[in-house]
Amino acid sequence: MQELRTFNHNHLAELAPLIAASTAEGYSMVQRFYDEWQSGVQTFSHPGEGFWGIWQGQRLRAIGGISHDPYQPSIQIGRIRHVYVLPAWRRHGLAQQLVLHSLKHAAGHFAQISLYTSNPAAAQLYLRCGFVPATGLVRTTHCYNYPS
């Protein structure tokens, strides 16, 4: 059974398989997440922020979260960050579960959510979650606007 739980400092060692798999695929976001959390640069602890993992038994299968957007001047813009699912666990709805949970968690804290992806399959996922192609935002491919 899969379980979505809040990610905390005690889970950092469990990232090793995700770091190895993502690096092998040419992605740096899991390693960057680990480095930023370890150094204290980003621990997803401000209002509206959060980071989660999905475990299958004792094994971490997917991660993702939301923070203030470090690339935008407005504090009203959040950013989907570091969404990654182990290859064997893709197409099981884990990324969508993380994204929708992040959006729900951040409601009331941000007016808009941004993200960047160069992955066409990920772009389709974000469109299914209610994001639209972005225009005019730095380092952003998609955005989500909360209803007024």
N, C-alpha and C. Protein backbone atom coordinates (compact mmCIF):
# COMPACT_ATOMS: atom_id res chain seq x y z
N MET A 1 0.84 -1.18 0.00
CA MET A 1 0.00 0.00 0.00
C MET A 1 0.89 1.25 0.00
N GLN A 2 0.49 2.24 -0.76
CA GLN A 2 1.24 3.49 -0.85
C GLN A 2 0.78 4.45 0.24
N GLU A 3 1.74 5.21 0.74
CA GLU A 3 1.42 6.19 1.78
C GLU A 3 2.15 7.50 1.50
N LEU A 4 1.40 8.59 1.40
CA LEU A 4 1.97 9.93 1.25
C LEU A 4 2.21 10.48 2.64
N ARG A 5 3.46 10.88 2.91
CA ARG A 5 3.82 11.41 4.22
C ARG A 5 4.68 12.65 4.05
N THR A 6 4.67 13.49 5.07
CA THR A 6 5.54 14.66 5.09
C THR A 6 6.98 14.19 5.15
N PHE A 7 7.81 14.78 4.32
CA PHE A 7 9.24 14.48 4.28
C PHE A 7 9.92 15.30 5.35
N ASN A 8 10.85 14.69 6.09
CA ASN A 8 11.61 15.44 7.08
C ASN A 8 13.09 15.04 7.03
N HIS A 9 13.88 15.68 7.87
CA HIS A 9 15.34 15.47 7.87
C HIS A 9 15.72 14.00 8.07
N ASN A 10 14.92 13.28 8.81
CA ASN A 10 15.20 11.87 9.07
C ASN A 10 15.09 11.00 7.82
N HIS A 11 14.47 11.51 6.77
CA HIS A 11 14.28 10.74 5.54
C HIS A 11 15.40 10.96 4.51
N LEU A 12 16.35 11.83 4.79
CA LEU A 12 17.37 12.17 3.79
C LEU A 12 18.12 10.94 3.28
N ALA A 13 18.45 10.00 4.14
CA ALA A 13 19.19 8.81 3.71
C ALA A 13 18.38 7.97 2.73
N GLU A 14 17.07 8.06 2.82
CA GLU A 14 16.20 7.28 1.92
C GLU A 14 16.20 7.80 0.49
N LEU A 15 16.81 8.97 0.28
CA LEU A 15 16.87 9.55 -1.07
C LEU A 15 17.90 8.87 -1.96
N ALA A 16 18.82 8.09 -1.41
CA ALA A 16 19.92 7.53 -2.20
C ALA A 16 19.46 6.84 -3.48
N PRO A 17 18.46 5.95 -3.47
CA PRO A 17 18.03 5.33 -4.73
C PRO A 17 17.44 6.33 -5.72
N LEU A 18 16.75 7.36 -5.22
CA LEU A 18 16.18 8.37 -6.11
C LEU A 18 17.26 9.26 -6.70
N ILE A 19 18.29 9.57 -5.91
CA ILE A 19 19.42 10.35 -6.43
C ILE A 19 20.12 9.56 -7.53
N ALA A 20 20.39 8.29 -7.28
CA ALA A 20 21.08 7.46 -8.28
C ALA A 20 20.27 7.35 -9.56
N ALA A 21 18.97 7.08 -9.44
CA ALA A 21 18.13 6.91 -10.62
C ALA A 21 17.98 8.21 -11.39
N SER A 22 17.74 9.31 -10.69
CA SER A 22 17.55 10.59 -11.39
C SER A 22 18.84 11.05 -12.06
N THR A 23 19.97 10.85 -11.40
CA THR A 23 21.26 11.22 -11.98
C THR A 23 21.52 10.39 -13.24
N ALA A 24 21.20 9.10 -13.19
CA ALA A 24 21.38 8.23 -14.37
C ALA A 24 20.51 8.70 -15.54
N GLU A 25 19.39 9.32 -15.24
CA GLU A 25 18.50 9.84 -16.29
C GLU A 25 18.90 11.24 -16.75
N GLY A 26 19.89 11.82 -16.10
CA GLY A 26 20.34 13.16 -16.48
C GLY A 26 19.62 14.28 -15.76
N TYR A 27 18.93 13.96 -14.68
CA TYR A 27 18.22 14.98 -13.90
C TYR A 27 19.01 15.29 -12.63
N SER A 28 19.06 16.56 -12.27
CA SER A 28 19.81 16.96 -11.09
C SER A 28 18.93 17.40 -9.92
N MET A 29 17.61 17.38 -10.10
CA MET A 29 16.74 17.98 -9.09
C MET A 29 16.73 17.23 -7.76
N VAL A 30 16.90 15.92 -7.76
CA VAL A 30 16.87 15.20 -6.48
C VAL A 30 18.16 15.48 -5.70
N GLN A 31 19.29 15.48 -6.41
CA GLN A 31 20.56 15.81 -5.75
C GLN A 31 20.53 17.24 -5.23
N ARG A 32 19.97 18.16 -6.03
CA ARG A 32 19.88 19.57 -5.61
C ARG A 32 18.98 19.70 -4.38
N PHE A 33 17.85 18.97 -4.39
CA PHE A 33 16.97 18.97 -3.23
C PHE A 33 17.73 18.50 -1.99
N TYR A 34 18.44 17.39 -2.10
CA TYR A 34 19.21 16.84 -0.98
C TYR A 34 20.23 17.87 -0.47
N ASP A 35 20.98 18.45 -1.40
CA ASP A 35 22.03 19.41 -1.02
C ASP A 35 21.44 20.64 -0.34
N GLU A 36 20.34 21.16 -0.88
CA GLU A 36 19.72 22.35 -0.31
C GLU A 36 19.12 22.07 1.06
N TRP A 37 18.51 20.91 1.22
CA TRP A 37 17.93 20.56 2.53
C TRP A 37 19.05 20.36 3.55
N GLN A 38 20.08 19.61 3.16
CA GLN A 38 21.19 19.32 4.06
C GLN A 38 21.88 20.60 4.54
N SER A 39 22.02 21.58 3.63
CA SER A 39 22.69 22.83 3.98
C SER A 39 21.77 23.82 4.70
N GLY A 40 20.47 23.56 4.68
CA GLY A 40 19.51 24.46 5.30
C GLY A 40 19.04 25.58 4.38
N VAL A 41 19.50 25.58 3.13
CA VAL A 41 19.08 26.61 2.17
C VAL A 41 17.58 26.54 1.92
N GLN A 42 17.03 25.31 1.82
CA GLN A 42 15.60 25.15 1.57
C GLN A 42 15.11 23.91 2.30
N THR A 43 14.27 24.12 3.31
CA THR A 43 13.69 23.00 4.05
C THR A 43 12.16 22.99 3.98
N PHE A 44 11.59 23.81 3.10
CA PHE A 44 10.15 23.81 2.85
C PHE A 44 9.36 24.02 4.14
N SER A 45 9.80 24.98 4.94
CA SER A 45 9.19 25.18 6.27
C SER A 45 8.48 26.52 6.43
N HIS A 46 8.41 27.33 5.39
CA HIS A 46 7.69 28.60 5.50
C HIS A 46 6.20 28.37 5.25
N PRO A 47 5.35 29.31 5.65
CA PRO A 47 3.91 29.15 5.43
C PRO A 47 3.60 28.86 3.96
N GLY A 48 2.78 27.86 3.75
CA GLY A 48 2.38 27.45 2.40
C GLY A 48 3.32 26.45 1.76
N GLU A 49 4.50 26.30 2.32
CA GLU A 49 5.47 25.36 1.76
C GLU A 49 5.28 23.97 2.37
N GLY A 50 5.76 22.98 1.65
CA GLY A 50 5.73 21.61 2.16
C GLY A 50 6.44 20.69 1.20
N PHE A 51 6.90 19.57 1.74
CA PHE A 51 7.56 18.56 0.90
C PHE A 51 7.12 17.19 1.38
N TRP A 52 6.83 16.31 0.43
CA TRP A 52 6.26 15.01 0.75
C TRP A 52 6.96 13.90 -0.01
N GLY A 53 6.80 12.72 0.53
CA GLY A 53 7.25 11.52 -0.14
C GLY A 53 6.11 10.53 -0.20
N ILE A 54 6.22 9.62 -1.15
CA ILE A 54 5.27 8.50 -1.20
C ILE A 54 6.09 7.24 -0.99
N TRP A 55 5.69 6.50 0.03
CA TRP A 55 6.37 5.26 0.37
C TRP A 55 5.51 4.07 -0.01
N GLN A 56 6.16 3.02 -0.44
CA GLN A 56 5.54 1.70 -0.64
C GLN A 56 6.20 0.83 0.42
N GLY A 57 5.48 0.52 1.49
CA GLY A 57 6.11 -0.15 2.62
C GLY A 57 7.14 0.78 3.23
N GLN A 58 8.38 0.32 3.34
CA GLN A 58 9.46 1.13 3.91
C GLN A 58 10.29 1.84 2.86
N ARG A 59 9.92 1.72 1.58
CA ARG A 59 10.75 2.27 0.50
C ARG A 59 10.14 3.52 -0.12
N LEU A 60 10.95 4.55 -0.17
CA LEU A 60 10.54 5.81 -0.79
C LEU A 60 10.50 5.63 -2.30
N ARG A 61 9.37 5.97 -2.91
CA ARG A 61 9.18 5.78 -4.36
C ARG A 61 9.09 7.09 -5.14
N ALA A 62 8.66 8.17 -4.46
CA ALA A 62 8.44 9.43 -5.16
C ALA A 62 8.53 10.59 -4.17
N ILE A 63 8.93 11.75 -4.68
CA ILE A 63 9.02 12.96 -3.86
C ILE A 63 8.51 14.16 -4.63
N GLY A 64 8.18 15.20 -3.90
CA GLY A 64 7.82 16.47 -4.52
C GLY A 64 7.26 17.42 -3.49
N GLY A 65 7.29 18.71 -3.83
CA GLY A 65 6.78 19.69 -2.89
C GLY A 65 6.54 21.04 -3.51
N ILE A 66 6.35 22.01 -2.63
CA ILE A 66 6.03 23.36 -3.06
C ILE A 66 6.72 24.35 -2.13
N SER A 67 7.23 25.43 -2.71
CA SER A 67 7.90 26.47 -1.94
C SER A 67 7.57 27.82 -2.54
N HIS A 68 8.03 28.87 -1.89
CA HIS A 68 7.99 30.18 -2.53
C HIS A 68 8.84 30.09 -3.79
N ASP A 69 8.45 30.78 -4.83
CA ASP A 69 9.22 30.74 -6.08
C ASP A 69 10.44 31.63 -5.95
N PRO A 70 11.64 31.05 -5.95
CA PRO A 70 12.85 31.86 -5.78
C PRO A 70 13.20 32.71 -7.00
N TYR A 71 12.52 32.46 -8.11
CA TYR A 71 12.83 33.17 -9.35
C TYR A 71 11.90 34.34 -9.62
N GLN A 72 10.85 34.49 -8.81
CA GLN A 72 9.87 35.55 -9.04
C GLN A 72 9.94 36.58 -7.91
N PRO A 73 9.68 37.85 -8.22
CA PRO A 73 9.75 38.89 -7.19
C PRO A 73 8.57 38.86 -6.21
N SER A 74 7.46 38.27 -6.60
CA SER A 74 6.27 38.31 -5.76
C SER A 74 6.25 37.16 -4.75
N ILE A 75 5.94 37.47 -3.50
CA ILE A 75 5.81 36.42 -2.50
C ILE A 75 4.49 35.67 -2.67
N GLN A 76 3.64 36.14 -3.59
CA GLN A 76 2.36 35.48 -3.86
C GLN A 76 2.49 34.34 -4.85
N ILE A 77 3.70 34.06 -5.32
CA ILE A 77 3.91 32.99 -6.29
C ILE A 77 4.68 31.85 -5.63
N GLY A 78 4.07 30.67 -5.65
CA GLY A 78 4.73 29.47 -5.16
C GLY A 78 5.30 28.69 -6.34
N ARG A 79 6.04 27.64 -6.05
CA ARG A 79 6.66 26.87 -7.12
C ARG A 79 6.65 25.38 -6.77
N ILE A 80 6.18 24.57 -7.69
CA ILE A 80 6.27 23.12 -7.56
C ILE A 80 7.74 22.77 -7.74
N ARG A 81 8.28 21.95 -6.81
CA ARG A 81 9.72 21.69 -6.81
C ARG A 81 10.02 20.20 -6.69
N HIS A 82 11.05 19.79 -7.40
CA HIS A 82 11.72 18.50 -7.21
C HIS A 82 10.78 17.29 -7.27
N VAL A 83 9.81 17.31 -8.17
CA VAL A 83 8.94 16.14 -8.31
C VAL A 83 9.71 15.07 -9.07
N TYR A 84 9.83 13.91 -8.44
CA TYR A 84 10.53 12.80 -9.07
C TYR A 84 9.91 11.49 -8.59
N VAL A 85 9.70 10.59 -9.55
CA VAL A 85 9.17 9.26 -9.29
C VAL A 85 10.17 8.26 -9.86
N LEU A 86 10.51 7.24 -9.07
CA LEU A 86 11.40 6.19 -9.58
C LEU A 86 10.81 5.59 -10.84
N PRO A 87 11.64 5.31 -11.85
CA PRO A 87 11.13 4.82 -13.14
C PRO A 87 10.16 3.65 -13.05
N ALA A 88 10.43 2.68 -12.21
CA ALA A 88 9.55 1.51 -12.10
C ALA A 88 8.18 1.84 -11.52
N TRP A 89 8.04 3.01 -10.91
CA TRP A 89 6.78 3.39 -10.27
C TRP A 89 6.02 4.47 -11.03
N ARG A 90 6.48 4.80 -12.22
CA ARG A 90 5.76 5.78 -13.04
C ARG A 90 4.50 5.15 -13.63
N ARG A 91 3.60 6.01 -14.00
CA ARG A 91 2.30 5.61 -14.56
C ARG A 91 1.40 4.94 -13.52
N HIS A 92 1.64 5.26 -12.25
CA HIS A 92 0.79 4.78 -11.17
C HIS A 92 0.10 5.95 -10.44
N GLY A 93 0.24 7.15 -10.98
CA GLY A 93 -0.43 8.32 -10.41
C GLY A 93 0.29 8.97 -9.25
N LEU A 94 1.55 8.57 -8.98
CA LEU A 94 2.25 9.13 -7.82
C LEU A 94 2.58 10.60 -8.01
N ALA A 95 3.09 10.98 -9.18
CA ALA A 95 3.42 12.39 -9.42
C ALA A 95 2.16 13.25 -9.34
N GLN A 96 1.08 12.78 -9.93
CA GLN A 96 -0.17 13.54 -9.87
C GLN A 96 -0.64 13.69 -8.42
N GLN A 97 -0.52 12.64 -7.64
CA GLN A 97 -0.91 12.70 -6.23
C GLN A 97 -0.09 13.76 -5.50
N LEU A 98 1.22 13.79 -5.74
CA LEU A 98 2.09 14.79 -5.10
C LEU A 98 1.74 16.21 -5.52
N VAL A 99 1.51 16.41 -6.82
CA VAL A 99 1.21 17.75 -7.33
C VAL A 99 -0.13 18.24 -6.78
N LEU A 100 -1.15 17.41 -6.83
CA LEU A 100 -2.46 17.83 -6.34
C LEU A 100 -2.43 18.07 -4.84
N HIS A 101 -1.70 17.25 -4.11
CA HIS A 101 -1.56 17.47 -2.67
C HIS A 101 -0.85 18.80 -2.40
N SER A 102 0.19 19.10 -3.17
CA SER A 102 0.92 20.36 -3.02
C SER A 102 0.01 21.55 -3.28
N LEU A 103 -0.78 21.49 -4.34
CA LEU A 103 -1.69 22.58 -4.67
C LEU A 103 -2.72 22.79 -3.56
N LYS A 104 -3.26 21.71 -3.04
CA LYS A 104 -4.24 21.81 -1.96
C LYS A 104 -3.59 22.41 -0.70
N HIS A 105 -2.40 21.94 -0.38
CA HIS A 105 -1.68 22.43 0.79
C HIS A 105 -1.40 23.94 0.70
N ALA A 106 -1.06 24.40 -0.50
CA ALA A 106 -0.65 25.80 -0.68
C ALA A 106 -1.81 26.76 -0.88
N ALA A 107 -3.02 26.24 -1.07
CA ALA A 107 -4.18 27.11 -1.28
C ALA A 107 -4.32 28.07 -0.11
N GLY A 108 -4.54 29.33 -0.41
CA GLY A 108 -4.67 30.35 0.61
C GLY A 108 -3.35 31.01 0.97
N HIS A 109 -2.25 30.43 0.54
CA HIS A 109 -0.94 31.02 0.81
C HIS A 109 -0.36 31.71 -0.42
N PHE A 110 -0.73 31.23 -1.60
CA PHE A 110 -0.21 31.77 -2.85
C PHE A 110 -1.38 32.07 -3.80
N ALA A 111 -1.19 33.04 -4.67
CA ALA A 111 -2.19 33.34 -5.71
C ALA A 111 -1.93 32.52 -6.96
N GLN A 112 -0.66 32.16 -7.16
CA GLN A 112 -0.25 31.46 -8.38
C GLN A 112 0.88 30.49 -8.04
N ILE A 113 0.93 29.40 -8.80
CA ILE A 113 1.99 28.41 -8.65
C ILE A 113 2.68 28.27 -10.00
N SER A 114 4.01 28.28 -9.97
CA SER A 114 4.78 28.12 -11.20
C SER A 114 5.58 26.83 -11.14
N LEU A 115 6.15 26.47 -12.28
CA LEU A 115 7.07 25.33 -12.35
C LEU A 115 7.83 25.40 -13.65
N TYR A 116 8.90 24.62 -13.70
CA TYR A 116 9.67 24.48 -14.93
C TYR A 116 9.86 23.01 -15.21
N THR A 117 9.61 22.60 -16.44
CA THR A 117 9.92 21.25 -16.87
C THR A 117 10.35 21.27 -18.33
N SER A 118 11.32 20.43 -18.64
CA SER A 118 11.73 20.23 -20.04
C SER A 118 11.29 18.85 -20.52
N ASN A 119 10.58 18.12 -19.66
CA ASN A 119 10.14 16.76 -19.94
C ASN A 119 8.72 16.79 -20.52
N PRO A 120 8.52 16.34 -21.77
CA PRO A 120 7.18 16.39 -22.37
C PRO A 120 6.12 15.59 -21.60
N ALA A 121 6.49 14.44 -21.04
CA ALA A 121 5.52 13.65 -20.27
C ALA A 121 5.12 14.40 -19.00
N ALA A 122 6.08 15.05 -18.36
CA ALA A 122 5.78 15.83 -17.16
C ALA A 122 4.89 17.02 -17.53
N ALA A 123 5.17 17.64 -18.65
CA ALA A 123 4.34 18.77 -19.09
C ALA A 123 2.88 18.34 -19.24
N GLN A 124 2.65 17.16 -19.79
CA GLN A 124 1.28 16.66 -19.94
C GLN A 124 0.63 16.41 -18.57
N LEU A 125 1.41 15.89 -17.64
CA LEU A 125 0.91 15.69 -16.28
C LEU A 125 0.45 17.01 -15.68
N TYR A 126 1.27 18.04 -15.81
CA TYR A 126 0.93 19.33 -15.21
C TYR A 126 -0.31 19.93 -15.87
N LEU A 127 -0.45 19.75 -17.17
CA LEU A 127 -1.66 20.23 -17.84
C LEU A 127 -2.90 19.52 -17.29
N ARG A 128 -2.79 18.20 -17.06
CA ARG A 128 -3.92 17.44 -16.48
C ARG A 128 -4.25 17.91 -15.07
N CYS A 129 -3.27 18.46 -14.36
CA CYS A 129 -3.49 18.96 -12.99
C CYS A 129 -4.01 20.39 -12.95
N GLY A 130 -4.23 21.00 -14.12
CA GLY A 130 -4.81 22.34 -14.16
C GLY A 130 -3.83 23.46 -14.46
N PHE A 131 -2.58 23.14 -14.72
CA PHE A 131 -1.60 24.15 -15.11
C PHE A 131 -1.81 24.53 -16.56
N VAL A 132 -1.35 25.71 -16.92
CA VAL A 132 -1.39 26.18 -18.31
C VAL A 132 0.01 26.63 -18.69
N PRO A 133 0.32 26.65 -19.99
CA PRO A 133 1.63 27.16 -20.40
C PRO A 133 1.81 28.60 -19.91
N ALA A 134 3.00 28.90 -19.43
CA ALA A 134 3.28 30.21 -18.83
C ALA A 134 3.84 31.18 -19.86
N THR A 135 3.53 32.44 -19.64
CA THR A 135 4.14 33.51 -20.43
C THR A 135 4.56 34.61 -19.47
N GLY A 136 5.73 35.15 -19.71
CA GLY A 136 6.17 36.31 -18.95
C GLY A 136 6.80 36.04 -17.60
N LEU A 137 6.97 34.79 -17.20
CA LEU A 137 7.61 34.48 -15.93
C LEU A 137 8.98 33.86 -16.18
N VAL A 138 9.96 34.29 -15.42
CA VAL A 138 11.33 33.80 -15.56
C VAL A 138 11.42 32.33 -15.14
N ARG A 139 12.15 31.53 -15.89
CA ARG A 139 12.41 30.11 -15.58
C ARG A 139 11.13 29.36 -15.26
N THR A 140 10.10 29.59 -16.04
CA THR A 140 8.80 28.98 -15.81
C THR A 140 8.21 28.52 -17.13
N THR A 141 7.74 27.27 -17.15
CA THR A 141 7.07 26.75 -18.34
C THR A 141 5.56 26.65 -18.16
N HIS A 142 5.11 26.50 -16.89
CA HIS A 142 3.69 26.32 -16.62
C HIS A 142 3.32 27.07 -15.34
N CYS A 143 2.04 27.48 -15.27
CA CYS A 143 1.56 28.11 -14.05
C CYS A 143 0.13 27.67 -13.76
N TYR A 144 -0.22 27.79 -12.51
CA TYR A 144 -1.54 27.44 -12.01
C TYR A 144 -2.04 28.64 -11.24
N ASN A 145 -3.25 29.08 -11.56
CA ASN A 145 -3.84 30.22 -10.86
C ASN A 145 -4.99 29.71 -9.99
N TYR A 146 -4.94 30.04 -8.71
CA TYR A 146 -6.04 29.68 -7.82
C TYR A 146 -7.24 30.53 -8.18
N PRO A 147 -8.43 29.96 -8.08
CA PRO A 147 -9.65 30.75 -8.34
C PRO A 147 -9.76 31.90 -7.34
N SER A 148 -10.24 33.04 -7.81
CA SER A 148 -10.38 34.23 -6.94
C SER A 148 -11.52 34.08 -5.98
